[in-house]
PDB file of N, CA and C in Angstrom:
ATOM      1  N   ASN A   1      -5.961 -29.560  47.019  1.00  0.00           N
ATOM      2  CA  ASN A   1      -4.823 -29.500  46.112  1.00  0.00           C
ATOM      3  C   ASN A   1      -4.653 -30.868  45.452  1.00  0.00           C
ATOM      4  N   ASN A   2      -4.814 -30.931  44.149  1.00  0.00           N
ATOM      5  CA  ASN A   2      -4.644 -32.201  43.447  1.00  0.00           C
ATOM      6  C   ASN A   2      -3.170 -32.546  43.387  1.00  0.00           C
ATOM      7  N   GLY A   3      -2.860 -33.772  43.640  1.00  0.00           N
ATOM      8  CA  GLY A   3      -1.476 -34.212  43.580  1.00  0.00           C
ATOM      9  C   GLY A   3      -1.237 -35.064  42.357  1.00  0.00           C
ATOM     10  N   ALA A   4      -0.082 -35.642  42.301  1.00  0.00           N
ATOM     11  CA  ALA A   4       0.291 -36.461  41.163  1.00  0.00           C
ATOM     12  C   ALA A   4      -0.497 -37.762  41.143  1.00  0.00           C
ATOM     13  N   CYS A   5      -0.933 -38.226  42.290  1.00  0.00           N
ATOM     14  CA  CYS A   5      -1.672 -39.481  42.378  1.00  0.00           C
ATOM     15  C   CYS A   5      -2.903 -39.257  43.235  1.00  0.00           C
ATOM     16  N   SER A   6      -3.890 -40.051  43.032  1.00  0.00           N
ATOM     17  CA  SER A   6      -5.056 -39.966  43.909  1.00  0.00           C
ATOM     18  C   SER A   6      -5.470 -41.380  44.276  1.00  0.00           C
ATOM     19  N   GLY A   7      -6.285 -41.475  45.272  1.00  0.00           N
ATOM     20  CA  GLY A   7      -6.755 -42.777  45.716  1.00  0.00           C
ATOM     21  C   GLY A   7      -8.096 -42.607  46.386  1.00  0.00           C
ATOM     22  N   LYS A   8      -8.552 -43.646  47.053  1.00  0.00           N
ATOM     23  CA  LYS A   8      -9.839 -43.586  47.744  1.00  0.00           C
ATOM     24  C   LYS A   8      -9.602 -43.764  49.229  1.00  0.00           C
ATOM     25  N   ASP A   9     -10.390 -43.044  50.004  1.00  0.00           N
ATOM     26  CA  ASP A   9     -10.286 -43.211  51.449  1.00  0.00           C
ATOM     27  C   ASP A   9     -11.118 -44.415  51.880  1.00  0.00           C
ATOM     28  N   LYS A  10     -11.216 -44.671  53.164  1.00  0.00           N
ATOM     29  CA  LYS A  10     -11.920 -45.872  53.653  1.00  0.00           C
ATOM     30  C   LYS A  10     -13.405 -45.861  53.337  1.00  0.00           C
ATOM     31  N   ASP A  11     -13.977 -44.673  53.071  1.00  0.00           N
ATOM     32  CA  ASP A  11     -15.394 -44.573  52.706  1.00  0.00           C
ATOM     33  C   ASP A  11     -15.609 -44.624  51.196  1.00  0.00           C
ATOM     34  N   GLY A  12     -14.538 -44.820  50.442  1.00  0.00           N
ATOM     35  CA  GLY A  12     -14.658 -44.908  48.993  1.00  0.00           C
ATOM     36  C   GLY A  12     -14.656 -43.562  48.282  1.00  0.00           C
ATOM     37  N   LYS A  13     -14.454 -42.479  49.028  1.00  0.00           N
ATOM     38  CA  LYS A  13     -14.399 -41.157  48.403  1.00  0.00           C
ATOM     39  C   LYS A  13     -13.006 -40.926  47.823  1.00  0.00           C
ATOM     40  N   ILE A  14     -13.000 -40.311  46.639  1.00  0.00           N
ATOM     41  CA  ILE A  14     -11.703 -40.021  46.009  1.00  0.00           C
ATOM     42  C   ILE A  14     -11.019 -38.916  46.793  1.00  0.00           C
ATOM     43  N   LYS A  15      -9.762 -39.136  47.093  1.00  0.00           N
ATOM     44  CA  LYS A  15      -8.979 -38.123  47.809  1.00  0.00           C
ATOM     45  C   LYS A  15      -7.784 -37.740  46.934  1.00  0.00           C
ATOM     46  N   PRO A  16      -7.365 -36.499  47.041  1.00  0.00           N
ATOM     47  CA  PRO A  16      -6.230 -36.063  46.213  1.00  0.00           C
ATOM     48  C   PRO A  16      -4.946 -36.742  46.652  1.00  0.00           C
ATOM     49  N   GLY A  17      -4.033 -36.875  45.723  1.00  0.00           N
ATOM     50  CA  GLY A  17      -2.724 -37.421  46.046  1.00  0.00           C
ATOM     51  C   GLY A  17      -1.835 -36.342  46.626  1.00  0.00           C
ATOM     52  N   HIS A  18      -0.621 -36.702  46.916  1.00  0.00           N
ATOM     53  CA  HIS A  18       0.332 -35.759  47.493  1.00  0.00           C
ATOM     54  C   HIS A  18       1.595 -35.760  46.653  1.00  0.00           C
ATOM     55  N   TYR A  19       2.192 -34.612  46.556  1.00  0.00           N
ATOM     56  CA  TYR A  19       3.444 -34.500  45.836  1.00  0.00           C
ATOM     57  C   TYR A  19       4.260 -33.387  46.462  1.00  0.00           C
ATOM     58  N   ARG A  20       5.525 -33.377  46.174  1.00  0.00           N
ATOM     59  CA  ARG A  20       6.424 -32.324  46.635  1.00  0.00           C
ATOM     60  C   ARG A  20       7.167 -31.789  45.422  1.00  0.00           C
ATOM     61  N   ARG A  21       7.331 -30.495  45.402  1.00  0.00           N
ATOM     62  CA  ARG A  21       8.128 -29.891  44.339  1.00  0.00           C
ATOM     63  C   ARG A  21       9.592 -29.981  44.740  1.00  0.00           C
ATOM     64  N   ILE A  22      10.386 -30.575  43.899  1.00  0.00           N
ATOM     65  CA  ILE A  22      11.825 -30.629  44.142  1.00  0.00           C
ATOM     66  C   ILE A  22      12.531 -30.352  42.824  1.00  0.00           C
ATOM     67  N   SER A  23      13.775 -29.981  42.927  1.00  0.00           N
ATOM     68  CA  SER A  23      14.551 -29.692  41.721  1.00  0.00           C
ATOM     69  C   SER A  23      14.897 -30.995  40.998  1.00  0.00           C
ATOM     70  N   LYS A  24      15.280 -30.863  39.755  1.00  0.00           N
ATOM     71  CA  LYS A  24      15.697 -32.030  38.972  1.00  0.00           C
ATOM     72  C   LYS A  24      16.900 -32.711  39.636  1.00  0.00           C
ATOM     73  N   GLU A  25      17.814 -31.903  40.151  1.00  0.00           N
ATOM     74  CA  GLU A  25      19.011 -32.452  40.807  1.00  0.00           C
ATOM     75  C   GLU A  25      18.623 -33.275  42.038  1.00  0.00           C
ATOM     76  N   ALA A  26      17.660 -32.769  42.812  1.00  0.00           N
ATOM     77  CA  ALA A  26      17.206 -33.512  43.994  1.00  0.00           C
ATOM     78  C   ALA A  26      16.539 -34.817  43.575  1.00  0.00           C
ATOM     79  N   TRP A  27      15.710 -34.766  42.523  1.00  0.00           N
ATOM     80  CA  TRP A  27      15.062 -35.983  42.027  1.00  0.00           C
ATOM     81  C   TRP A  27      16.106 -37.008  41.587  1.00  0.00           C
ATOM     82  N   ASP A  28      17.090 -36.548  40.815  1.00  0.00           N
ATOM     83  CA  ASP A  28      18.123 -37.461  40.332  1.00  0.00           C
ATOM     84  C   ASP A  28      18.859 -38.107  41.499  1.00  0.00           C
ATOM     85  N   HIS A  29      19.133 -37.329  42.549  1.00  0.00           N
ATOM     86  CA  HIS A  29      19.824 -37.879  43.726  1.00  0.00           C
ATOM     87  C   HIS A  29      18.950 -38.935  44.420  1.00  0.00           C
ATOM     88  N   LEU A  30      17.674 -38.598  44.637  1.00  0.00           N
ATOM     89  CA  LEU A  30      16.780 -39.560  45.288  1.00  0.00           C
ATOM     90  C   LEU A  30      16.589 -40.812  44.433  1.00  0.00           C
ATOM     91  N   ALA A  31      16.471 -40.650  43.125  1.00  0.00           N
ATOM     92  CA  ALA A  31      16.316 -41.801  42.236  1.00  0.00           C
ATOM     93  C   ALA A  31      17.543 -42.705  42.319  1.00  0.00           C
ATOM     94  N   ASP A  32      18.708 -42.092  42.453  1.00  0.00           N
ATOM     95  CA  ASP A  32      19.944 -42.873  42.565  1.00  0.00           C
ATOM     96  C   ASP A  32      20.012 -43.593  43.916  1.00  0.00           C
ATOM     97  N   VAL A  33      19.675 -42.890  44.985  1.00  0.00           N
ATOM     98  CA  VAL A  33      19.732 -43.474  46.330  1.00  0.00           C
ATOM     99  C   VAL A  33      18.747 -44.634  46.462  1.00  0.00           C
ATOM    100  N   TYR A  34      17.503 -44.424  45.971  1.00  0.00           N
ATOM    101  CA  TYR A  34      16.462 -45.438  46.133  1.00  0.00           C
ATOM    102  C   TYR A  34      16.315 -46.348  44.926  1.00  0.00           C
ATOM    103  N   LYS A  35      17.200 -46.198  43.963  1.00  0.00           N
ATOM    104  CA  LYS A  35      17.201 -47.043  42.754  1.00  0.00           C
ATOM    105  C   LYS A  35      15.841 -47.014  42.053  1.00  0.00           C
ATOM    106  N   VAL A  36      15.314 -45.807  41.894  1.00  0.00           N
ATOM    107  CA  VAL A  36      14.028 -45.597  41.240  1.00  0.00           C
ATOM    108  C   VAL A  36      14.269 -45.386  39.757  1.00  0.00           C
ATOM    109  N   ASP A  37      13.510 -46.064  38.937  1.00  0.00           N
ATOM    110  CA  ASP A  37      13.605 -45.897  37.489  1.00  0.00           C
ATOM    111  C   ASP A  37      12.176 -45.764  36.980  1.00  0.00           C
ATOM    112  N   SER A  38      11.654 -44.540  37.044  1.00  0.00           N
ATOM    113  CA  SER A  38      10.256 -44.366  36.654  1.00  0.00           C
ATOM    114  C   SER A  38      10.072 -43.010  35.970  1.00  0.00           C
ATOM    115  N   ALA A  39       8.874 -42.820  35.490  1.00  0.00           N
ATOM    116  CA  ALA A  39       8.531 -41.562  34.833  1.00  0.00           C
ATOM    117  C   ALA A  39       8.547 -40.427  35.853  1.00  0.00           C
ATOM    118  N   VAL A  40       8.766 -39.216  35.338  1.00  0.00           N
ATOM    119  CA  VAL A  40       8.745 -38.038  36.189  1.00  0.00           C
ATOM    120  C   VAL A  40       7.712 -37.055  35.657  1.00  0.00           C
ATOM    121  N   ILE A  41       7.133 -36.310  36.569  1.00  0.00           N
ATOM    122  CA  ILE A  41       6.220 -35.229  36.199  1.00  0.00           C
ATOM    123  C   ILE A  41       7.001 -33.943  36.395  1.00  0.00           C
ATOM    124  N   ALA A  42       7.020 -33.115  35.366  1.00  0.00           N
ATOM    125  CA  ALA A  42       7.773 -31.873  35.440  1.00  0.00           C
ATOM    126  C   ALA A  42       6.886 -30.705  35.037  1.00  0.00           C
ATOM    127  N   VAL A  43       7.193 -29.555  35.595  1.00  0.00           N
ATOM    128  CA  VAL A  43       6.504 -28.314  35.222  1.00  0.00           C
ATOM    129  C   VAL A  43       7.563 -27.226  35.173  1.00  0.00           C
ATOM    130  N   TYR A  44       7.423 -26.344  34.205  1.00  0.00           N
ATOM    131  CA  TYR A  44       8.386 -25.258  34.025  1.00  0.00           C
ATOM    132  C   TYR A  44       7.734 -23.955  34.445  1.00  0.00           C
ATOM    133  N   GLY A  45       8.200 -23.379  35.531  1.00  0.00           N
ATOM    134  CA  GLY A  45       7.694 -22.093  35.987  1.00  0.00           C
ATOM    135  C   GLY A  45       6.344 -22.189  36.664  1.00  0.00           C
ATOM    136  N   THR A  46       5.784 -21.021  36.929  1.00  0.00           N
ATOM    137  CA  THR A  46       4.514 -20.938  37.644  1.00  0.00           C
ATOM    138  C   THR A  46       3.352 -20.857  36.678  1.00  0.00           C
ATOM    139  N   PRO A  47       2.171 -21.224  37.095  1.00  0.00           N
ATOM    140  CA  PRO A  47       1.808 -21.784  38.396  1.00  0.00           C
ATOM    141  C   PRO A  47       2.123 -23.278  38.451  1.00  0.00           C
ATOM    142  N   PHE A  48       2.754 -23.688  39.531  1.00  0.00           N
ATOM    143  CA  PHE A  48       3.170 -25.081  39.698  1.00  0.00           C
ATOM    144  C   PHE A  48       1.992 -26.018  39.898  1.00  0.00           C
ATOM    145  N   ASP A  49       0.932 -25.533  40.515  1.00  0.00           N
ATOM    146  CA  ASP A  49      -0.183 -26.409  40.866  1.00  0.00           C
ATOM    147  C   ASP A  49      -1.233 -26.542  39.769  1.00  0.00           C
ATOM    148  N   ASP A  50      -1.003 -25.959  38.607  1.00  0.00           N
ATOM    149  CA  ASP A  50      -1.921 -26.095  37.472  1.00  0.00           C
ATOM    150  C   ASP A  50      -1.565 -27.388  36.738  1.00  0.00           C
ATOM    151  N   ILE A  51      -2.321 -28.462  37.028  1.00  0.00           N
ATOM    152  CA  ILE A  51      -1.954 -29.772  36.482  1.00  0.00           C
ATOM    153  C   ILE A  51      -2.064 -29.824  34.958  1.00  0.00           C
ATOM    154  N   SER A  52      -2.758 -28.869  34.349  1.00  0.00           N
ATOM    155  CA  SER A  52      -2.824 -28.857  32.881  1.00  0.00           C
ATOM    156  C   SER A  52      -1.467 -28.510  32.276  1.00  0.00           C
ATOM    157  N   ARG A  53      -0.555 -27.973  33.077  1.00  0.00           N
ATOM    158  CA  ARG A  53       0.777 -27.602  32.597  1.00  0.00           C
ATOM    159  C   ARG A  53       1.817 -28.684  32.893  1.00  0.00           C
ATOM    160  N   TRP A  54       1.438 -29.716  33.618  1.00  0.00           N
ATOM    161  CA  TRP A  54       2.380 -30.766  33.975  1.00  0.00           C
ATOM    162  C   TRP A  54       2.684 -31.624  32.755  1.00  0.00           C
ATOM    163  N   CYS A  55       3.908 -32.046  32.636  1.00  0.00           N
ATOM    164  CA  CYS A  55       4.339 -32.925  31.541  1.00  0.00           C
ATOM    165  C   CYS A  55       4.981 -34.164  32.144  1.00  0.00           C
ATOM    166  N   VAL A  56       4.716 -35.302  31.526  1.00  0.00           N
ATOM    167  CA  VAL A  56       5.284 -36.570  31.990  1.00  0.00           C
ATOM    168  C   VAL A  56       6.387 -36.971  31.028  1.00  0.00           C
ATOM    169  N   PHE A  57       7.538 -37.318  31.596  1.00  0.00           N
ATOM    170  CA  PHE A  57       8.683 -37.774  30.806  1.00  0.00           C
ATOM    171  C   PHE A  57       9.082 -39.159  31.297  1.00  0.00           C
ATOM    172  N   ALA A  58       9.601 -39.974  30.388  1.00  0.00           N
ATOM    173  CA  ALA A  58       9.967 -41.357  30.712  1.00  0.00           C
ATOM    174  C   ALA A  58      10.953 -41.417  31.875  1.00  0.00           C
ATOM    175  N   ASP A  59      11.915 -40.526  31.902  1.00  0.00           N
ATOM    176  CA  ASP A  59      12.827 -40.392  33.039  1.00  0.00           C
ATOM    177  C   ASP A  59      13.386 -38.976  33.028  1.00  0.00           C
ATOM    178  N   SER A  60      14.086 -38.613  34.101  1.00  0.00           N
ATOM    179  CA  SER A  60      14.505 -37.219  34.250  1.00  0.00           C
ATOM    180  C   SER A  60      15.512 -36.782  33.186  1.00  0.00           C
ATOM    181  N   SER A  61      16.208 -37.729  32.578  1.00  0.00           N
ATOM    182  CA  SER A  61      17.158 -37.342  31.526  1.00  0.00           C
ATOM    183  C   SER A  61      16.437 -36.931  30.239  1.00  0.00           C
ATOM    184  N   LYS A  62      15.147 -37.231  30.159  1.00  0.00           N
ATOM    185  CA  LYS A  62      14.368 -36.909  28.955  1.00  0.00           C
ATOM    186  C   LYS A  62      13.579 -35.601  29.091  1.00  0.00           C
ATOM    187  N   ILE A  63      13.722 -34.902  30.224  1.00  0.00           N
ATOM    188  CA  ILE A  63      12.985 -33.647  30.422  1.00  0.00           C
ATOM    189  C   ILE A  63      13.436 -32.639  29.372  1.00  0.00           C
ATOM    190  N   ASN A  64      12.455 -32.090  28.668  1.00  0.00           N
ATOM    191  CA  ASN A  64      12.718 -31.135  27.596  1.00  0.00           C
ATOM    192  C   ASN A  64      11.933 -29.861  27.894  1.00  0.00           C
ATOM    193  N   ILE A  65      12.624 -28.848  28.383  1.00  0.00           N
ATOM    194  CA  ILE A  65      11.955 -27.602  28.771  1.00  0.00           C
ATOM    195  C   ILE A  65      11.255 -26.955  27.584  1.00  0.00           C
ATOM    196  N   GLU A  66      11.833 -27.059  26.386  1.00  0.00           N
ATOM    197  CA  GLU A  66      11.219 -26.447  25.205  1.00  0.00           C
ATOM    198  C   GLU A  66       9.856 -27.066  24.886  1.00  0.00           C
ATOM    199  N   ALA A  67       9.638 -28.310  25.287  1.00  0.00           N
ATOM    200  CA  ALA A  67       8.372 -28.989  25.009  1.00  0.00           C
ATOM    201  C   ALA A  67       7.305 -28.668  26.054  1.00  0.00           C
ATOM    202  N   MET A  68       7.694 -27.965  27.084  1.00  0.00           N
ATOM    203  CA  MET A  68       6.780 -27.697  28.185  1.00  0.00           C
ATOM    204  C   MET A  68       6.098 -26.344  28.017  1.00  0.00           C
ATOM    205  N   PRO A  69       4.874 -26.200  28.552  1.00  0.00           N
ATOM    206  CA  PRO A  69       4.212 -24.887  28.508  1.00  0.00           C
ATOM    207  C   PRO A  69       5.064 -23.835  29.216  1.00  0.00           C
ATOM    208  N   GLN A  70       5.105 -22.653  28.653  1.00  0.00           N
ATOM    209  CA  GLN A  70       5.891 -21.570  29.231  1.00  0.00           C
ATOM    210  C   GLN A  70       5.249 -21.065  30.522  1.00  0.00           C
ATOM    211  N   PRO A  71       6.065 -20.525  31.425  1.00  0.00           N
ATOM    212  CA  PRO A  71       5.513 -19.987  32.669  1.00  0.00           C
ATOM    213  C   PRO A  71       4.543 -18.842  32.389  1.00  0.00           C
ATOM    214  N   ILE A  72       3.584 -18.690  33.264  1.00  0.00           N
ATOM    215  CA  ILE A  72       2.640 -17.587  33.166  1.00  0.00           C
ATOM    216  C   ILE A  72       3.161 -16.467  34.060  1.00  0.00           C
ATOM    217  N   ILE A  73       3.516 -15.357  33.433  1.00  0.00           N
ATOM    218  CA  ILE A  73       4.054 -14.229  34.177  1.00  0.00           C
ATOM    219  C   ILE A  73       2.950 -13.184  34.292  1.00  0.00           C
ATOM    220  N   PRO A  74       2.473 -12.946  35.516  1.00  0.00           N
ATOM    221  CA  PRO A  74       1.375 -11.993  35.671  1.00  0.00           C
ATOM    222  C   PRO A  74       1.811 -10.583  35.303  1.00  0.00           C
ATOM    223  N   ALA A  75       0.900  -9.853  34.668  1.00  0.00           N
ATOM    224  CA  ALA A  75       1.183  -8.468  34.308  1.00  0.00           C
ATOM    225  C   ALA A  75       1.236  -7.630  35.577  1.00  0.00           C
ATOM    226  N   LYS A  76       2.144  -6.669  35.568  1.00  0.00           N
ATOM    227  CA  LYS A  76       2.259  -5.778  36.704  1.00  0.00           C
ATOM    228  C   LYS A  76       1.094  -4.804  36.680  1.00  0.00           C
ATOM    229  N   PRO A  77       0.382  -4.673  37.783  1.00  0.00           N
ATOM    230  CA  PRO A  77      -0.717  -3.710  37.775  1.00  0.00           C
ATOM    231  C   PRO A  77      -0.167  -2.294  37.647  1.00  0.00           C
ATOM    232  N   GLU A  78      -0.855  -1.496  36.864  1.00  0.00           N
ATOM    233  CA  GLU A  78      -0.399  -0.124  36.669  1.00  0.00           C
ATOM    234  C   GLU A  78      -0.672   0.670  37.941  1.00  0.00           C
ATOM    235  N   GLU A  79       0.362   1.380  38.379  1.00  0.00           N
ATOM    236  CA  GLU A  79       0.227   2.167  39.593  1.00  0.00           C
ATOM    237  C   GLU A  79      -0.456   3.488  39.271  1.00  0.00           C
ATOM    238  N   LYS A  80      -1.360   3.888  40.158  1.00  0.00           N
ATOM    239  CA  LYS A  80      -2.005   5.181  39.993  1.00  0.00           C
ATOM    240  C   LYS A  80      -1.104   6.227  40.617  1.00  0.00           C
ATOM    241  N   LYS A  81      -0.809   7.260  39.849  1.00  0.00           N
ATOM    242  CA  LYS A  81       0.082   8.320  40.312  1.00  0.00           C
ATOM    243  C   LYS A  81      -0.731   9.510  40.805  1.00  0.00           C
ATOM    244  N   THR A  82      -0.354  10.002  41.960  1.00  0.00           N
ATOM    245  CA  THR A  82      -0.971  11.224  42.472  1.00  0.00           C
ATOM    246  C   THR A  82      -0.187  12.409  41.925  1.00  0.00           C
ATOM    247  N   PRO A  83      -0.752  13.595  41.964  1.00  0.00           N
ATOM    248  CA  PRO A  83       0.012  14.780  41.529  1.00  0.00           C
ATOM    249  C   PRO A  83       1.326  14.925  42.299  1.00  0.00           C
ATOM    250  N   GLN A  84       1.317  14.552  43.579  1.00  0.00           N
ATOM    251  CA  GLN A  84       2.543  14.637  44.376  1.00  0.00           C
ATOM    252  C   GLN A  84       3.596  13.660  43.856  1.00  0.00           C
ATOM    253  N   ASP A  85       3.167  12.455  43.437  1.00  0.00           N
ATOM    254  CA  ASP A  85       4.098  11.467  42.885  1.00  0.00           C
ATOM    255  C   ASP A  85       4.732  12.004  41.601  1.00  0.00           C
ATOM    256  N   LEU A  86       3.907  12.609  40.738  1.00  0.00           N
ATOM    257  CA  LEU A  86       4.424  13.144  39.473  1.00  0.00           C
ATOM    258  C   LEU A  86       5.396  14.289  39.720  1.00  0.00           C
ATOM    259  N   LEU A  87       5.094  15.173  40.672  1.00  0.00           N
ATOM    260  CA  LEU A  87       5.981  16.284  40.999  1.00  0.00           C
ATOM    261  C   LEU A  87       7.299  15.764  41.559  1.00  0.00           C
ATOM    262  N   ALA A  88       7.235  14.775  42.445  1.00  0.00           N
ATOM    263  CA  ALA A  88       8.450  14.193  43.020  1.00  0.00           C
ATOM    264  C   ALA A  88       9.308  13.573  41.925  1.00  0.00           C
ATOM    265  N   LYS A  89       8.684  12.911  40.960  1.00  0.00           N
ATOM    266  CA  LYS A  89       9.424  12.313  39.850  1.00  0.00           C
ATOM    267  C   LYS A  89      10.098  13.395  39.003  1.00  0.00           C
ATOM    268  N   GLN A  90       9.377  14.482  38.716  1.00  0.00           N
ATOM    269  CA  GLN A  90       9.942  15.573  37.922  1.00  0.00           C
ATOM    270  C   GLN A  90      11.107  16.224  38.647  1.00  0.00           C
ATOM    271  N   LEU A  91      10.971  16.416  39.960  1.00  0.00           N
ATOM    272  CA  LEU A  91      12.059  17.009  40.733  1.00  0.00           C
ATOM    273  C   LEU A  91      13.288  16.105  40.736  1.00  0.00           C
ATOM    274  N   LYS A  92      13.057  14.823  40.877  1.00  0.00           N
ATOM    275  CA  LYS A  92      14.171  13.863  40.883  1.00  0.00           C
ATOM    276  C   LYS A  92      14.886  13.867  39.534  1.00  0.00           C
ATOM    277  N   GLU A  93      14.106  13.880  38.444  1.00  0.00           N
ATOM    278  CA  GLU A  93      14.709  13.909  37.111  1.00  0.00           C
ATOM    279  C   GLU A  93      15.459  15.212  36.880  1.00  0.00           C
ATOM    280  N   SER A  94      14.911  16.331  37.360  1.00  0.00           N
ATOM    281  CA  SER A  94      15.573  17.630  37.205  1.00  0.00           C
ATOM    282  C   SER A  94      16.866  17.667  38.002  1.00  0.00           C
ATOM    283  N   ALA A  95      16.850  17.107  39.196  1.00  0.00           N
ATOM    284  CA  ALA A  95      18.044  17.099  40.040  1.00  0.00           C
ATOM    285  C   ALA A  95      19.155  16.305  39.383  1.00  0.00           C
ATOM    286  N   ALA A  96      18.801  15.301  38.617  1.00  0.00           N
ATOM    287  CA  ALA A  96      19.820  14.491  37.942  1.00  0.00           C
ATOM    288  C   ALA A  96      20.539  15.294  36.866  1.00  0.00           C
ATOM    289  N   LEU A  97      19.917  16.366  36.380  1.00  0.00           N
ATOM    290  CA  LEU A  97      20.527  17.191  35.335  1.00  0.00           C
ATOM    291  C   LEU A  97      21.515  18.213  35.890  1.00  0.00           C
ATOM    292  N   ILE A  98      21.440  18.485  37.188  1.00  0.00           N
ATOM    293  CA  ILE A  98      22.337  19.462  37.800  1.00  0.00           C
ATOM    294  C   ILE A  98      23.687  18.796  38.015  1.00  0.00           C
ATOM    295  N   PRO A  99      24.760  19.424  37.488  1.00  0.00           N
ATOM    296  CA  PRO A  99      26.084  18.814  37.661  1.00  0.00           C
ATOM    297  C   PRO A  99      26.486  18.770  39.132  1.00  0.00           C
ATOM    298  N   LYS A 100      27.149  17.710  39.507  1.00  0.00           N
ATOM    299  CA  LYS A 100      27.596  17.552  40.890  1.00  0.00           C
ATOM    300  C   LYS A 100      28.766  18.491  41.184  1.00  0.00           C
ATOM    301  N   ASP A 101      29.592  18.718  40.188  1.00  0.00           N
ATOM    302  CA  ASP A 101      30.766  19.573  40.343  1.00  0.00           C
ATOM    303  C   ASP A 101      30.454  20.922  39.690  1.00  0.00           C
ATOM    304  N   LEU A 102      30.319  21.947  40.504  1.00  0.00           N
ATOM    305  CA  LEU A 102      29.970  23.269  39.989  1.00  0.00           C
ATOM    306  C   LEU A 102      31.185  24.164  39.812  1.00  0.00           C
ATOM    307  N   SER A 103      32.385  23.620  39.900  1.00  0.00           N
ATOM    308  CA  SER A 103      33.589  24.449  39.791  1.00  0.00           C
ATOM    309  C   SER A 103      33.675  25.126  38.429  1.00  0.00           C
ATOM    310  N   GLY A 104      33.252  24.442  37.359  1.00  0.00           N
ATOM    311  CA  GLY A 104      33.274  25.038  36.023  1.00  0.00           C
ATOM    312  C   GLY A 104      32.320  26.222  35.948  1.00  0.00           C
ATOM    313  N   ALA A 105      31.149  26.115  36.565  1.00  0.00           N
ATOM    314  CA  ALA A 105      30.183  27.213  36.557  1.00  0.00           C
ATOM    315  C   ALA A 105      30.725  28.401  37.338  1.00  0.00           C
ATOM    316  N   LYS A 106      31.408  28.145  38.451  1.00  0.00           N
ATOM    317  CA  LYS A 106      31.981  29.232  39.243  1.00  0.00           C
ATOM    318  C   LYS A 106      33.033  29.982  38.446  1.00  0.00           C
ATOM    319  N   LYS A 107      33.855  29.257  37.692  1.00  0.00           N
ATOM    320  CA  LYS A 107      34.871  29.908  36.848  1.00  0.00           C
ATOM    321  C   LYS A 107      34.211  30.777  35.806  1.00  0.00           C
ATOM    322  N   MET A 108      33.140  30.253  35.195  1.00  0.00           N
ATOM    323  CA  MET A 108      32.437  31.002  34.155  1.00  0.00           C
ATOM    324  C   MET A 108      31.811  32.258  34.746  1.00  0.00           C
ATOM    325  N   LEU A 109      31.265  32.158  35.968  1.00  0.00           N
ATOM    326  CA  LEU A 109      30.706  33.333  36.622  1.00  0.00           C
ATOM    327  C   LEU A 109      31.796  34.363  36.922  1.00  0.00           C
ATOM    328  N   GLY A 110      32.942  33.876  37.383  1.00  0.00           N
ATOM    329  CA  GLY A 110      34.057  34.756  37.717  1.00  0.00           C
ATOM    330  C   GLY A 110      34.613  35.482  36.499  1.00  0.00           C
ATOM    331  N   MET A 111      34.470  34.860  35.324  1.00  0.00           N
ATOM    332  CA  MET A 111      34.995  35.483  34.095  1.00  0.00           C
ATOM    333  C   MET A 111      33.921  36.316  33.434  1.00  0.00           C
ATOM    334  N   GLY A 112      32.744  36.383  34.025  1.00  0.00           N
ATOM    335  CA  GLY A 112      31.669  37.181  33.446  1.00  0.00           C
ATOM    336  C   GLY A 112      31.044  36.558  32.198  1.00  0.00           C
ATOM    337  N   LEU A 113      31.203  35.262  32.023  1.00  0.00           N
ATOM    338  CA  LEU A 113      30.640  34.606  30.835  1.00  0.00           C
ATOM    339  C   LEU A 113      29.175  34.227  31.026  1.00  0.00           C
ATOM    340  N   VAL A 114      28.698  34.213  32.231  1.00  0.00           N
ATOM    341  CA  VAL A 114      27.325  33.816  32.484  1.00  0.00           C
ATOM    342  C   VAL A 114      26.569  34.947  33.119  1.00  0.00           C
TER     343      VAL A 114
END
């Protein structure tokens, strides 16, 4: 997992850096507590670990969501319906058409209108 920073281990091999995802509010609190005044890396939505979507801002007050790549929302896979699923759906839809209160129908039957 590539992090925000990288370095070299004792054998000179490049090793990935480490980072933690935190909210802007948490960052602002930590920056205030530790008196940090530095650039921030921000990402809007998923995938969080795609570094091509990361944006660097001078400080957290300069974060502009409109300037950031939009989240990638995966398409919902289409569900395969069995004949039983389709029949159950039709029955459910038909049941919704039957009035819950049948008193009007009983009156109509009693008057010979139906």
